[in-house]
Protein backbone atom coordinates (compact mmCIF):
# COMPACT_ATOMS: atom_id res chain seq x y z
CA GLY A 1 -10.22 9.34 -7.13
CA ALA A 2 -11.21 12.78 -6.41
CA ALA A 3 -8.06 14.55 -4.67
CA ARG A 4 -7.82 14.71 -1.27
CA MET A 5 -5.99 17.31 1.20
CA PRO A 6 -2.66 16.05 2.14
CA ARG A 7 -2.40 14.91 5.63
CA ASN A 8 -1.36 17.27 8.39
CA VAL A 9 1.29 14.91 10.09
CA MET A 10 2.07 17.62 12.77
CA LEU A 11 -1.60 17.22 13.96
CA GLY A 12 -1.64 16.50 17.43
CA ILE A 13 2.16 16.10 18.05
CA PHE A 14 1.83 18.82 20.75
CA GLU A 15 -1.38 18.01 22.16
CA ALA A 16 -1.98 15.70 25.05
CA ALA A 17 -2.21 12.40 23.69
CA VAL A 18 -5.71 10.70 23.42
CA ALA A 19 -5.26 6.92 23.47
CA ALA A 20 -7.62 5.30 20.50
CA ALA A 21 -10.16 3.21 21.45
CA GLU A 22 -9.19 -0.22 20.86
CA PRO A 23 -11.79 -3.22 19.71
CA ALA A 24 -13.10 -5.42 22.38
CA GLY A 25 -11.27 -8.69 22.46
CA PRO A 26 -7.81 -9.70 21.51
CA ARG A 27 -6.11 -8.08 18.37
CA VAL A 28 -5.54 -10.66 15.38
CA TYR A 29 -2.87 -10.44 13.17
CA PRO A 30 -2.43 -12.09 9.95
CA THR A 31 -0.65 -14.79 9.04
CA PHE A 32 -0.13 -17.46 6.34
CA ASN A 33 -0.54 -21.17 6.98
CA ASP A 34 1.98 -23.28 5.24
CA VAL A 35 0.13 -25.95 2.91
CA GLY A 36 3.29 -27.33 1.27
CA GLY A 37 4.41 -27.65 -2.25
CA GLY A 38 5.43 -24.10 -1.87
CA TYR A 39 1.80 -22.42 -1.54
CA ALA A 40 0.63 -20.69 1.58
CA ILE A 41 -3.02 -19.57 2.43
CA PRO A 42 -3.25 -16.33 3.93
CA VAL A 43 -5.60 -16.04 7.27
CA ASP A 44 -7.04 -13.06 8.83
CA HIS A 45 -5.47 -10.95 5.95
CA ASP A 46 -8.03 -7.61 5.16
CA ASN A 47 -6.58 -6.90 1.66
CA ASP A 48 -8.67 -3.62 1.54
CA LYS A 49 -7.25 -2.17 4.80
CA ALA A 50 -3.78 -3.01 3.49
CA ILE A 51 -4.51 -1.29 0.43
CA ASP A 52 -5.91 2.12 2.13
CA PHE A 53 -2.84 1.88 4.53
CA TYR A 54 0.07 1.85 1.45
CA GLU A 55 -2.15 4.38 -0.73
CA GLU A 56 -1.98 6.68 2.06
CA SER A 57 1.59 6.03 2.78
CA PHE A 58 2.39 6.26 -0.87
CA GLN A 59 0.63 9.77 -0.93
CA ASP A 60 2.39 10.93 1.92
CA LEU A 61 5.67 9.99 0.38
CA PHE A 62 4.95 11.27 -3.03
CA GLN A 63 3.61 14.83 -1.80
CA GLN A 64 6.69 14.90 0.68
CA PHE A 65 9.76 13.80 -1.69
CA GLY A 66 8.38 13.22 -5.20
CA MET A 67 8.78 10.14 -7.57
CA ALA A 68 12.57 10.09 -6.77
CA HIS A 69 12.16 8.74 -3.23
CA PRO A 70 13.91 5.04 -3.04
CA GLY A 71 10.92 4.09 -1.11
CA VAL A 72 8.13 4.95 -3.84
CA PRO A 73 8.75 1.76 -6.16
CA ALA A 74 8.26 -0.88 -3.18
CA ILE A 75 5.39 0.77 -1.94
CA CYS A 76 3.92 1.00 -5.39
CA GLN A 77 4.97 -2.72 -6.20
CA GLY A 78 3.12 -3.98 -3.35
CA LEU A 79 -0.06 -1.95 -4.03
CA ALA A 80 0.16 -3.69 -7.49
CA VAL A 81 0.50 -7.26 -5.88
CA LEU A 82 -2.72 -5.93 -3.55
CA TYR A 83 -4.56 -4.79 -6.44
CA ASP A 84 -4.03 -7.84 -8.67
CA THR A 85 -5.08 -9.96 -5.34
CA LYS A 86 -8.28 -8.17 -5.14
CA ALA A 87 -8.87 -8.45 -8.95
CA GLY A 88 -8.59 -12.23 -8.66
CA ILE A 89 -10.78 -12.33 -5.24
CA GLU A 90 -13.62 -10.23 -6.77
CA LYS A 91 -13.34 -11.00 -10.36
CA ASP A 92 -13.31 -7.35 -11.29
CA PRO A 93 -10.83 -6.25 -14.10
CA LYS A 94 -10.79 -2.69 -12.67
CA HIS A 95 -8.52 -3.52 -10.09
CA TYR A 96 -6.13 -5.28 -12.75
CA ASP A 97 -6.10 -1.40 -14.29
CA LYS A 98 -5.21 0.03 -10.86
CA ALA A 99 -2.40 -2.62 -10.42
CA ILE A 100 -0.90 -1.74 -13.80
CA GLU A 101 -1.03 1.88 -13.32
CA TYR A 102 1.10 0.96 -9.62
CA LEU A 103 3.55 -0.75 -11.98
CA ASN A 104 4.06 2.25 -14.02
CA PHE A 105 4.49 4.94 -11.11
CA THR A 106 7.26 1.94 -10.21
CA GLN A 107 9.02 2.10 -13.33
CA ARG A 108 8.59 6.04 -13.63
CA SER A 109 10.10 5.95 -9.56
CA MET A 110 12.80 3.68 -10.56
CA MET A 111 13.78 5.86 -13.60
CA ALA A 112 13.78 9.04 -11.22
CA VAL A 113 16.08 7.30 -8.74
CA ALA A 114 18.52 5.31 -10.71
CA GLY A 115 18.20 6.78 -14.49
CA GLU A 116 16.55 4.93 -17.78
CA ALA A 117 18.72 1.77 -17.30
CA ALA A 118 17.09 0.80 -13.98
CA ALA A 119 13.62 0.54 -15.55
């Protein structure tokens, strides 16, 4: 994707807080329905929203601390799972490429944190 400007984490910290407009109606939280046999079905889960949130989190973490931050592997593993799920749902192999890319980030970060033996 195109390079984007780093997010200004200080933006708005000293101004008066402005409440964000809440959508009408009750907030819906994602859940899982247990269907037995070790399987669960996600309910009200928006994969794309999760991907956007965690990609932004990864970018912030990477820009501030680099690959050697211990939180990078967990976020990248989660993003790999989200992209793998998206590939399966949408039947689009480009999402598998993105999942593999995040698994490579995971491995590189683990090596930066704990040395080559960790990965």
